[in-house]
């Protein structure tokens, strides 16, 4: 079974920088799994900066679903998945038939169906990590420490991302939270 290091923290906490250092310090060949989708100019710029900042020797795979097949194709070494919550966002927004811009509320059965489909993808991710006979570092935002979002999409995202994070932290061999650039081992 593959080894999982789970890294969480708030926005701009330093979690990605820490995860990248752990990957680099492993001495293993690194495969970087990038989950961002370029949906606007700002995201295009962010993706370009991230690509530029990664070491030239790291292989980059851009993917955010069916990650079991991605892991099956990786070379042995260290896989760095950044970021799980971006992946969750992509999966939620993939849902057809929900007008997120005009949704005042979300029927419980719709929310449950969306979460079920997201968790199916997380199960595929965990299966991929388990089958990968190397080390995986998964980065995810801690989303449960702030105010409750005022809109249905935000609440749905927070709830699903929180449960996804719990699932990954339970599976992890090692778990870290990064606060203000300081990594703290929690498992």
N, C-alpha and C. Protein backbone atom coordinates (compact mmCIF):
# COMPACT_ATOMS: atom_id res chain seq x y z
N UNK A 1 0.85 -1.17 0.00
CA UNK A 1 0.00 0.00 0.00
C UNK A 1 0.89 1.24 0.00
N UNK A 2 0.51 2.23 -0.82
CA UNK A 2 1.27 3.46 -0.90
C UNK A 2 1.19 4.28 0.38
N UNK A 3 2.21 5.07 0.60
CA UNK A 3 2.27 5.94 1.78
C UNK A 3 1.64 7.28 1.44
N UNK A 4 0.75 7.79 2.33
CA UNK A 4 0.09 9.08 2.12
C UNK A 4 0.48 10.07 3.20
N UNK A 5 0.97 11.22 2.75
CA UNK A 5 1.22 12.36 3.63
C UNK A 5 0.17 13.41 3.26
N UNK A 6 -0.66 13.75 4.21
CA UNK A 6 -1.75 14.71 4.02
C UNK A 6 -1.32 16.05 4.61
N UNK A 7 -1.47 17.13 3.83
CA UNK A 7 -1.08 18.47 4.26
C UNK A 7 -2.27 19.40 4.08
N UNK A 8 -2.67 20.07 5.16
CA UNK A 8 -3.79 21.00 5.10
C UNK A 8 -3.40 22.32 5.74
N UNK A 9 -4.24 23.31 5.52
CA UNK A 9 -4.04 24.64 6.08
C UNK A 9 -4.94 25.61 5.35
N UNK A 10 -4.97 26.82 5.80
CA UNK A 10 -5.80 27.83 5.17
C UNK A 10 -5.16 28.38 3.90
N UNK A 11 -5.88 29.28 3.26
CA UNK A 11 -5.37 29.94 2.06
C UNK A 11 -4.10 30.71 2.40
N UNK A 12 -3.09 30.54 1.57
CA UNK A 12 -1.80 31.24 1.71
C UNK A 12 -1.11 30.92 3.03
N UNK A 13 -1.35 29.73 3.56
CA UNK A 13 -0.74 29.34 4.83
C UNK A 13 0.68 28.81 4.65
N UNK A 14 1.04 28.45 3.43
CA UNK A 14 2.34 27.86 3.16
C UNK A 14 2.29 26.35 2.97
N UNK A 15 1.08 25.79 2.87
CA UNK A 15 0.94 24.34 2.77
C UNK A 15 1.55 23.78 1.49
N UNK A 16 1.36 24.46 0.37
CA UNK A 16 1.94 23.97 -0.89
C UNK A 16 3.46 24.05 -0.85
N UNK A 17 3.99 25.13 -0.33
CA UNK A 17 5.44 25.28 -0.23
C UNK A 17 6.02 24.15 0.65
N UNK A 18 5.35 23.88 1.77
CA UNK A 18 5.79 22.80 2.65
C UNK A 18 5.74 21.46 1.92
N UNK A 19 4.63 21.17 1.24
CA UNK A 19 4.48 19.91 0.52
C UNK A 19 5.54 19.77 -0.57
N UNK A 20 5.83 20.85 -1.27
CA UNK A 20 6.87 20.82 -2.30
C UNK A 20 8.24 20.53 -1.69
N UNK A 21 8.51 21.08 -0.51
CA UNK A 21 9.79 20.82 0.17
C UNK A 21 9.88 19.35 0.58
N UNK A 22 8.79 18.81 1.11
CA UNK A 22 8.78 17.39 1.49
C UNK A 22 9.04 16.52 0.26
N UNK A 23 8.41 16.87 -0.86
CA UNK A 23 8.60 16.11 -2.10
C UNK A 23 10.06 16.21 -2.56
N UNK A 24 10.59 17.42 -2.58
CA UNK A 24 11.98 17.62 -3.02
C UNK A 24 12.96 16.90 -2.10
N UNK A 25 12.72 16.97 -0.79
CA UNK A 25 13.61 16.35 0.18
C UNK A 25 13.53 14.82 0.17
N UNK A 26 12.50 14.26 -0.46
CA UNK A 26 12.36 12.80 -0.48
C UNK A 26 13.47 12.15 -1.30
N UNK A 27 14.06 12.91 -2.21
CA UNK A 27 15.10 12.35 -3.08
C UNK A 27 14.54 11.46 -4.18
N UNK A 28 13.22 11.34 -4.26
CA UNK A 28 12.57 10.51 -5.26
C UNK A 28 12.19 11.35 -6.48
N UNK A 29 12.01 10.73 -7.64
CA UNK A 29 11.47 11.46 -8.78
C UNK A 29 10.05 11.93 -8.44
N UNK A 30 9.73 13.17 -8.76
CA UNK A 30 8.44 13.75 -8.37
C UNK A 30 7.53 13.88 -9.58
N UNK A 31 6.30 13.41 -9.40
CA UNK A 31 5.22 13.64 -10.35
C UNK A 31 4.22 14.56 -9.67
N UNK A 32 4.00 15.72 -10.27
CA UNK A 32 3.12 16.75 -9.70
C UNK A 32 1.77 16.64 -10.39
N UNK A 33 0.74 16.34 -9.62
CA UNK A 33 -0.62 16.25 -10.17
C UNK A 33 -1.32 17.57 -9.86
N UNK A 34 -1.54 18.36 -10.91
CA UNK A 34 -2.15 19.68 -10.79
C UNK A 34 -3.63 19.57 -11.13
N UNK A 35 -4.48 20.05 -10.22
CA UNK A 35 -5.93 19.88 -10.41
C UNK A 35 -6.65 21.14 -10.89
N UNK A 36 -5.93 22.24 -11.03
CA UNK A 36 -6.58 23.50 -11.41
C UNK A 36 -7.04 23.48 -12.86
N UNK A 37 -8.15 24.15 -13.10
CA UNK A 37 -8.69 24.34 -14.43
C UNK A 37 -8.67 25.84 -14.72
N UNK A 38 -8.18 26.20 -15.88
CA UNK A 38 -8.08 27.62 -16.25
C UNK A 38 -9.46 28.11 -16.70
N UNK A 39 -10.20 28.67 -15.75
CA UNK A 39 -11.57 29.12 -16.04
C UNK A 39 -11.64 30.63 -16.31
N UNK A 40 -10.57 31.36 -16.01
CA UNK A 40 -10.55 32.81 -16.28
C UNK A 40 -9.10 33.27 -16.34
N UNK A 41 -8.90 34.53 -16.62
CA UNK A 41 -7.56 35.09 -16.77
C UNK A 41 -6.72 34.97 -15.51
N UNK A 42 -7.34 35.22 -14.36
CA UNK A 42 -6.59 35.12 -13.10
C UNK A 42 -6.07 33.70 -12.88
N UNK A 43 -6.93 32.70 -13.16
CA UNK A 43 -6.51 31.32 -12.96
C UNK A 43 -5.45 30.94 -13.99
N UNK A 44 -5.55 31.45 -15.20
CA UNK A 44 -4.50 31.21 -16.19
C UNK A 44 -3.15 31.72 -15.68
N UNK A 45 -3.15 32.91 -15.08
CA UNK A 45 -1.92 33.47 -14.53
C UNK A 45 -1.38 32.63 -13.37
N UNK A 46 -2.28 32.19 -12.48
CA UNK A 46 -1.85 31.36 -11.34
C UNK A 46 -1.22 30.05 -11.83
N UNK A 47 -1.86 29.42 -12.79
CA UNK A 47 -1.35 28.15 -13.32
C UNK A 47 0.02 28.38 -13.95
N UNK A 48 0.17 29.45 -14.71
CA UNK A 48 1.45 29.76 -15.35
C UNK A 48 2.55 29.97 -14.30
N UNK A 49 2.23 30.70 -13.21
CA UNK A 49 3.21 30.92 -12.14
C UNK A 49 3.61 29.62 -11.47
N UNK A 50 2.62 28.77 -11.21
CA UNK A 50 2.91 27.47 -10.57
C UNK A 50 3.79 26.62 -11.48
N UNK A 51 3.49 26.59 -12.77
CA UNK A 51 4.32 25.82 -13.71
C UNK A 51 5.75 26.32 -13.69
N UNK A 52 5.90 27.62 -13.70
CA UNK A 52 7.23 28.23 -13.73
C UNK A 52 8.01 27.96 -12.44
N UNK A 53 7.31 27.91 -11.32
CA UNK A 53 7.97 27.71 -10.02
C UNK A 53 8.40 26.28 -9.75
N UNK A 54 7.79 25.31 -10.45
CA UNK A 54 8.13 23.91 -10.20
C UNK A 54 9.51 23.58 -10.78
N UNK A 55 10.26 22.73 -10.10
CA UNK A 55 11.56 22.30 -10.63
C UNK A 55 11.41 21.65 -12.01
N UNK A 56 12.36 21.90 -12.87
CA UNK A 56 12.31 21.40 -14.25
C UNK A 56 12.25 19.88 -14.33
N UNK A 57 12.84 19.19 -13.36
CA UNK A 57 12.86 17.73 -13.38
C UNK A 57 11.57 17.06 -12.94
N UNK A 58 10.63 17.85 -12.43
CA UNK A 58 9.37 17.27 -11.99
C UNK A 58 8.44 17.08 -13.19
N UNK A 59 7.82 15.93 -13.24
CA UNK A 59 6.82 15.67 -14.28
C UNK A 59 5.49 16.23 -13.80
N UNK A 60 4.80 16.95 -14.67
CA UNK A 60 3.49 17.49 -14.31
C UNK A 60 2.40 16.77 -15.07
N UNK A 61 1.37 16.37 -14.34
CA UNK A 61 0.17 15.78 -14.92
C UNK A 61 -0.99 16.67 -14.50
N UNK A 62 -1.74 17.16 -15.47
CA UNK A 62 -2.91 18.00 -15.16
C UNK A 62 -4.15 17.12 -15.22
N UNK A 63 -4.75 16.87 -14.08
CA UNK A 63 -5.92 15.99 -13.99
C UNK A 63 -6.65 16.27 -12.69
N UNK A 64 -7.97 16.07 -12.71
CA UNK A 64 -8.75 16.31 -11.50
C UNK A 64 -9.89 15.31 -11.29
N UNK A 65 -9.94 14.28 -12.10
CA UNK A 65 -10.91 13.21 -11.86
C UNK A 65 -10.35 11.90 -12.40
N UNK A 66 -10.97 10.81 -11.98
CA UNK A 66 -10.50 9.48 -12.36
C UNK A 66 -9.00 9.34 -12.07
N UNK A 67 -8.61 9.77 -10.86
CA UNK A 67 -7.19 9.81 -10.52
C UNK A 67 -6.60 8.42 -10.27
N UNK A 68 -7.42 7.39 -10.15
CA UNK A 68 -6.88 6.04 -10.05
C UNK A 68 -6.09 5.70 -11.31
N UNK A 69 -6.59 6.11 -12.47
CA UNK A 69 -5.87 5.84 -13.72
C UNK A 69 -4.61 6.69 -13.85
N UNK A 70 -4.66 7.90 -13.29
CA UNK A 70 -3.47 8.76 -13.28
C UNK A 70 -2.37 8.11 -12.45
N UNK A 71 -2.72 7.65 -11.24
CA UNK A 71 -1.73 7.01 -10.38
C UNK A 71 -1.18 5.74 -11.02
N UNK A 72 -2.02 4.99 -11.72
CA UNK A 72 -1.57 3.75 -12.37
C UNK A 72 -0.51 4.03 -13.43
N UNK A 73 -0.52 5.22 -14.01
CA UNK A 73 0.42 5.57 -15.07
C UNK A 73 1.68 6.27 -14.55
N UNK A 74 1.73 6.60 -13.26
CA UNK A 74 2.88 7.33 -12.72
C UNK A 74 4.09 6.43 -12.57
N UNK A 75 5.25 7.02 -12.73
CA UNK A 75 6.50 6.31 -12.44
C UNK A 75 6.64 6.22 -10.92
N UNK A 76 7.35 5.21 -10.43
CA UNK A 76 7.59 5.12 -8.99
C UNK A 76 8.31 6.37 -8.50
N UNK A 77 8.02 6.77 -7.29
CA UNK A 77 8.66 7.95 -6.70
C UNK A 77 7.75 8.63 -5.72
N UNK A 78 7.57 9.92 -5.93
CA UNK A 78 6.74 10.74 -5.06
C UNK A 78 5.71 11.47 -5.91
N UNK A 79 4.44 11.27 -5.60
CA UNK A 79 3.37 11.99 -6.28
C UNK A 79 2.92 13.13 -5.37
N UNK A 80 2.84 14.32 -5.91
CA UNK A 80 2.37 15.49 -5.16
C UNK A 80 1.08 15.96 -5.81
N UNK A 81 -0.03 15.81 -5.09
CA UNK A 81 -1.35 16.21 -5.57
C UNK A 81 -1.70 17.55 -4.95
N UNK A 82 -1.84 18.57 -5.80
CA UNK A 82 -2.15 19.92 -5.32
C UNK A 82 -3.17 20.54 -6.27
N UNK A 83 -4.39 20.63 -5.88
CA UNK A 83 -4.92 20.59 -4.55
C UNK A 83 -6.25 19.85 -4.56
N UNK A 84 -6.53 19.15 -3.47
CA UNK A 84 -7.75 18.35 -3.35
C UNK A 84 -8.99 19.24 -3.37
N UNK A 85 -8.96 20.37 -2.71
CA UNK A 85 -10.17 21.21 -2.68
C UNK A 85 -10.44 21.85 -4.04
N UNK A 86 -9.43 22.09 -4.83
CA UNK A 86 -9.66 22.55 -6.21
C UNK A 86 -10.32 21.42 -7.00
N UNK A 87 -9.86 20.20 -6.78
CA UNK A 87 -10.48 19.04 -7.41
C UNK A 87 -11.96 18.93 -7.03
N UNK A 88 -12.26 19.10 -5.75
CA UNK A 88 -13.65 19.05 -5.28
C UNK A 88 -14.48 20.15 -5.96
N UNK A 89 -13.93 21.34 -6.05
CA UNK A 89 -14.63 22.44 -6.73
C UNK A 89 -14.96 22.05 -8.16
N UNK A 90 -13.98 21.53 -8.88
CA UNK A 90 -14.20 21.12 -10.28
C UNK A 90 -15.31 20.09 -10.37
N UNK A 91 -15.30 19.12 -9.46
CA UNK A 91 -16.31 18.06 -9.49
C UNK A 91 -17.70 18.60 -9.20
N UNK A 92 -17.81 19.51 -8.25
CA UNK A 92 -19.11 20.10 -7.93
C UNK A 92 -19.63 20.91 -9.11
N UNK A 93 -18.77 21.72 -9.71
CA UNK A 93 -19.21 22.57 -10.81
C UNK A 93 -19.50 21.79 -12.08
N UNK A 94 -19.04 20.56 -12.15
CA UNK A 94 -19.32 19.69 -13.29
C UNK A 94 -20.78 19.26 -13.33
N UNK A 95 -21.44 19.35 -12.18
CA UNK A 95 -22.83 18.89 -12.09
C UNK A 95 -23.75 19.64 -13.04
N UNK A 96 -24.48 18.86 -13.81
CA UNK A 96 -25.43 19.44 -14.77
C UNK A 96 -26.76 19.71 -14.07
N UNK A 97 -27.47 20.70 -14.56
CA UNK A 97 -28.82 20.96 -14.09
C UNK A 97 -28.94 21.84 -12.86
N UNK A 98 -27.83 22.33 -12.32
CA UNK A 98 -27.91 23.22 -11.17
C UNK A 98 -27.49 24.61 -11.63
N UNK A 99 -28.38 25.57 -11.47
CA UNK A 99 -28.07 26.96 -11.82
C UNK A 99 -27.49 27.62 -10.57
N UNK A 100 -26.17 27.51 -10.40
CA UNK A 100 -25.52 27.98 -9.19
C UNK A 100 -25.69 29.48 -9.00
N UNK A 101 -25.77 30.24 -10.08
CA UNK A 101 -25.89 31.69 -9.98
C UNK A 101 -27.24 32.11 -9.40
N UNK A 102 -28.26 31.27 -9.56
CA UNK A 102 -29.60 31.64 -9.10
C UNK A 102 -30.15 30.70 -8.04
N UNK A 103 -29.33 29.85 -7.50
CA UNK A 103 -29.79 28.88 -6.49
C UNK A 103 -29.93 29.58 -5.14
N UNK A 104 -31.14 29.71 -4.67
CA UNK A 104 -31.38 30.28 -3.34
C UNK A 104 -31.20 29.22 -2.26
N UNK A 105 -31.60 28.02 -2.60
CA UNK A 105 -31.43 26.87 -1.70
C UNK A 105 -31.10 25.67 -2.57
N UNK A 106 -30.69 24.61 -1.95
CA UNK A 106 -30.38 23.39 -2.67
C UNK A 106 -31.11 22.25 -1.97
N UNK A 107 -31.94 21.54 -2.72
CA UNK A 107 -32.71 20.43 -2.14
C UNK A 107 -31.75 19.41 -1.55
N UNK A 108 -32.08 18.88 -0.37
CA UNK A 108 -31.18 17.91 0.28
C UNK A 108 -30.82 16.72 -0.60
N UNK A 109 -31.77 16.22 -1.38
CA UNK A 109 -31.47 15.06 -2.23
C UNK A 109 -30.50 15.41 -3.36
N UNK A 110 -30.53 16.67 -3.82
CA UNK A 110 -29.58 17.12 -4.84
C UNK A 110 -28.19 17.22 -4.22
N UNK A 111 -28.11 17.82 -3.05
CA UNK A 111 -26.82 17.95 -2.36
C UNK A 111 -26.23 16.57 -2.07
N UNK A 112 -27.06 15.63 -1.63
CA UNK A 112 -26.58 14.28 -1.32
C UNK A 112 -26.08 13.57 -2.58
N UNK A 113 -26.79 13.76 -3.69
CA UNK A 113 -26.37 13.14 -4.95
C UNK A 113 -25.04 13.71 -5.43
N UNK A 114 -24.87 15.02 -5.30
CA UNK A 114 -23.61 15.65 -5.70
C UNK A 114 -22.48 15.13 -4.82
N UNK A 115 -22.70 15.11 -3.51
CA UNK A 115 -21.66 14.62 -2.60
C UNK A 115 -21.33 13.17 -2.90
N UNK A 116 -22.31 12.36 -3.21
CA UNK A 116 -22.07 10.95 -3.52
C UNK A 116 -21.16 10.82 -4.74
N UNK A 117 -21.39 11.63 -5.77
CA UNK A 117 -20.54 11.58 -6.97
C UNK A 117 -19.13 12.07 -6.68
N UNK A 118 -19.01 13.09 -5.85
CA UNK A 118 -17.67 13.57 -5.46
C UNK A 118 -16.95 12.48 -4.68
N UNK A 119 -17.63 11.85 -3.74
CA UNK A 119 -16.99 10.82 -2.92
C UNK A 119 -16.60 9.60 -3.76
N UNK A 120 -17.33 9.31 -4.82
CA UNK A 120 -16.92 8.24 -5.74
C UNK A 120 -15.55 8.57 -6.32
N UNK A 121 -15.34 9.83 -6.68
CA UNK A 121 -14.04 10.24 -7.22
C UNK A 121 -12.96 10.19 -6.14
N UNK A 122 -13.31 10.53 -4.91
CA UNK A 122 -12.34 10.45 -3.82
C UNK A 122 -11.98 8.99 -3.55
N UNK A 123 -12.95 8.10 -3.65
CA UNK A 123 -12.66 6.67 -3.50
C UNK A 123 -11.68 6.21 -4.59
N UNK A 124 -11.85 6.71 -5.82
CA UNK A 124 -10.91 6.38 -6.90
C UNK A 124 -9.53 6.94 -6.59
N UNK A 125 -9.47 8.16 -6.04
CA UNK A 125 -8.20 8.75 -5.65
C UNK A 125 -7.51 7.88 -4.60
N UNK A 126 -8.25 7.49 -3.56
CA UNK A 126 -7.66 6.68 -2.49
C UNK A 126 -7.22 5.32 -3.05
N UNK A 127 -8.01 4.74 -3.94
CA UNK A 127 -7.60 3.47 -4.55
C UNK A 127 -6.30 3.66 -5.34
N UNK A 128 -6.17 4.77 -6.03
CA UNK A 128 -4.94 5.05 -6.77
C UNK A 128 -3.76 5.21 -5.84
N UNK A 129 -3.95 5.94 -4.74
CA UNK A 129 -2.88 6.12 -3.75
C UNK A 129 -2.49 4.77 -3.15
N UNK A 130 -3.49 3.96 -2.82
CA UNK A 130 -3.22 2.65 -2.22
C UNK A 130 -2.42 1.75 -3.17
N UNK A 131 -2.75 1.81 -4.46
CA UNK A 131 -2.09 0.95 -5.45
C UNK A 131 -0.70 1.47 -5.84
N UNK A 132 -0.48 2.76 -5.65
CA UNK A 132 0.80 3.37 -6.00
C UNK A 132 1.81 2.96 -4.94
N UNK A 133 2.78 2.20 -5.29
CA UNK A 133 3.71 1.63 -4.31
C UNK A 133 4.76 2.62 -3.86
N UNK A 134 4.45 3.87 -3.92
CA UNK A 134 5.40 4.91 -3.55
C UNK A 134 4.73 5.87 -2.58
N UNK A 135 5.24 7.09 -2.52
CA UNK A 135 4.76 8.11 -1.58
C UNK A 135 3.87 9.12 -2.31
N UNK A 136 2.75 9.47 -1.68
CA UNK A 136 1.88 10.53 -2.18
C UNK A 136 1.76 11.61 -1.13
N UNK A 137 1.84 12.85 -1.58
CA UNK A 137 1.58 14.00 -0.72
C UNK A 137 0.34 14.67 -1.28
N UNK A 138 -0.71 14.77 -0.48
CA UNK A 138 -1.96 15.40 -0.91
C UNK A 138 -2.16 16.70 -0.14
N UNK A 139 -2.34 17.80 -0.87
CA UNK A 139 -2.54 19.12 -0.29
C UNK A 139 -4.01 19.47 -0.39
N UNK A 140 -4.58 20.00 0.71
CA UNK A 140 -5.99 20.38 0.72
C UNK A 140 -6.20 21.57 1.65
N UNK A 141 -7.12 22.42 1.30
CA UNK A 141 -7.45 23.57 2.14
C UNK A 141 -8.32 23.16 3.32
N UNK A 142 -8.01 23.68 4.49
CA UNK A 142 -8.89 23.53 5.64
C UNK A 142 -9.99 24.58 5.48
N UNK A 143 -11.23 24.14 5.34
CA UNK A 143 -12.32 25.07 5.04
C UNK A 143 -13.33 25.20 6.18
N UNK A 144 -13.12 24.53 7.28
CA UNK A 144 -14.13 24.51 8.33
C UNK A 144 -13.88 25.44 9.49
N UNK A 145 -12.95 26.35 9.37
CA UNK A 145 -12.61 27.19 10.53
C UNK A 145 -13.14 28.61 10.41
N UNK A 146 -13.91 28.89 9.38
CA UNK A 146 -14.41 30.25 9.18
C UNK A 146 -15.91 30.33 9.38
N UNK A 147 -16.46 31.43 8.93
CA UNK A 147 -17.90 31.63 8.99
C UNK A 147 -18.62 30.70 8.04
N UNK A 148 -19.87 30.42 8.32
CA UNK A 148 -20.68 29.63 7.41
C UNK A 148 -20.97 30.47 6.17
N UNK A 149 -20.70 29.93 4.97
CA UNK A 149 -20.97 30.70 3.75
C UNK A 149 -22.44 31.10 3.65
N UNK A 150 -22.68 32.23 3.05
CA UNK A 150 -24.03 32.79 2.96
C UNK A 150 -24.83 32.27 1.77
N UNK A 151 -24.22 31.44 0.94
CA UNK A 151 -24.90 31.00 -0.27
C UNK A 151 -24.80 29.47 -0.38
N UNK A 152 -25.76 28.84 -1.10
CA UNK A 152 -25.83 27.37 -1.14
C UNK A 152 -24.57 26.70 -1.69
N UNK A 153 -23.99 27.21 -2.76
CA UNK A 153 -22.80 26.58 -3.32
C UNK A 153 -21.65 26.59 -2.31
N UNK A 154 -21.48 27.69 -1.62
CA UNK A 154 -20.42 27.79 -0.61
C UNK A 154 -20.61 26.80 0.52
N UNK A 155 -21.85 26.67 0.99
CA UNK A 155 -22.12 25.72 2.08
C UNK A 155 -21.91 24.28 1.61
N UNK A 156 -22.38 23.98 0.40
CA UNK A 156 -22.20 22.64 -0.15
C UNK A 156 -20.71 22.32 -0.28
N UNK A 157 -19.95 23.26 -0.83
CA UNK A 157 -18.51 23.07 -0.98
C UNK A 157 -17.84 22.83 0.38
N UNK A 158 -18.15 23.68 1.36
CA UNK A 158 -17.55 23.54 2.69
C UNK A 158 -17.86 22.18 3.29
N UNK A 159 -19.11 21.75 3.19
CA UNK A 159 -19.51 20.48 3.78
C UNK A 159 -18.82 19.30 3.09
N UNK A 160 -18.82 19.29 1.76
CA UNK A 160 -18.20 18.19 1.03
C UNK A 160 -16.69 18.20 1.25
N UNK A 161 -16.07 19.36 1.13
CA UNK A 161 -14.61 19.45 1.31
C UNK A 161 -14.21 19.02 2.72
N UNK A 162 -15.00 19.38 3.70
CA UNK A 162 -14.71 18.96 5.07
C UNK A 162 -14.74 17.45 5.22
N UNK A 163 -15.74 16.81 4.62
CA UNK A 163 -15.82 15.34 4.71
C UNK A 163 -14.71 14.66 3.89
N UNK A 164 -14.37 15.25 2.74
CA UNK A 164 -13.26 14.73 1.94
C UNK A 164 -11.96 14.81 2.76
N UNK A 165 -11.73 15.95 3.39
CA UNK A 165 -10.52 16.12 4.21
C UNK A 165 -10.47 15.10 5.34
N UNK A 166 -11.61 14.85 5.98
CA UNK A 166 -11.64 13.84 7.05
C UNK A 166 -11.27 12.46 6.50
N UNK A 167 -11.80 12.15 5.34
CA UNK A 167 -11.52 10.84 4.71
C UNK A 167 -10.03 10.68 4.44
N UNK A 168 -9.41 11.72 3.86
CA UNK A 168 -7.99 11.64 3.53
C UNK A 168 -7.12 11.64 4.79
N UNK A 169 -7.49 12.43 5.79
CA UNK A 169 -6.71 12.47 7.02
C UNK A 169 -6.76 11.11 7.74
N UNK A 170 -7.93 10.46 7.72
CA UNK A 170 -8.04 9.12 8.33
C UNK A 170 -7.12 8.13 7.61
N UNK A 171 -7.09 8.21 6.29
CA UNK A 171 -6.27 7.28 5.50
C UNK A 171 -4.78 7.58 5.61
N UNK A 172 -4.44 8.81 5.91
CA UNK A 172 -3.04 9.26 5.87
C UNK A 172 -2.17 8.52 6.87
N UNK A 173 -0.95 8.27 6.45
CA UNK A 173 0.07 7.73 7.35
C UNK A 173 0.66 8.84 8.20
N UNK A 174 0.61 10.05 7.66
CA UNK A 174 1.18 11.23 8.32
C UNK A 174 0.29 12.41 7.92
N UNK A 175 -0.02 13.31 8.85
CA UNK A 175 -0.86 14.47 8.54
C UNK A 175 -0.25 15.72 9.16
N UNK A 176 -0.30 16.80 8.40
CA UNK A 176 0.27 18.09 8.81
C UNK A 176 -0.75 19.19 8.59
N UNK A 177 -0.73 20.18 9.47
CA UNK A 177 -1.45 21.42 9.25
C UNK A 177 -0.38 22.52 9.21
N UNK A 178 -0.54 23.44 8.28
CA UNK A 178 0.41 24.55 8.16
C UNK A 178 -0.32 25.83 8.51
N UNK A 179 0.21 26.53 9.52
CA UNK A 179 -0.37 27.79 9.99
C UNK A 179 0.69 28.88 9.88
N UNK A 180 0.39 29.92 9.16
CA UNK A 180 1.32 31.06 9.03
C UNK A 180 2.72 30.61 8.64
N UNK A 181 2.78 29.62 7.75
CA UNK A 181 4.06 29.13 7.26
C UNK A 181 4.76 28.13 8.16
N UNK A 182 4.14 27.77 9.27
CA UNK A 182 4.75 26.84 10.22
C UNK A 182 4.02 25.50 10.16
N UNK A 183 4.70 24.44 9.72
CA UNK A 183 4.07 23.13 9.68
C UNK A 183 4.02 22.47 11.05
N UNK A 184 2.87 21.91 11.37
CA UNK A 184 2.68 21.20 12.65
C UNK A 184 2.17 19.80 12.34
N UNK A 185 2.88 18.80 12.80
CA UNK A 185 2.43 17.43 12.57
C UNK A 185 1.28 17.12 13.51
N UNK A 186 0.17 16.61 12.94
CA UNK A 186 -1.00 16.29 13.74
C UNK A 186 -1.29 14.78 13.77
N UNK A 187 -0.56 14.05 12.95
CA UNK A 187 -0.73 12.57 12.94
C UNK A 187 0.57 11.95 12.46
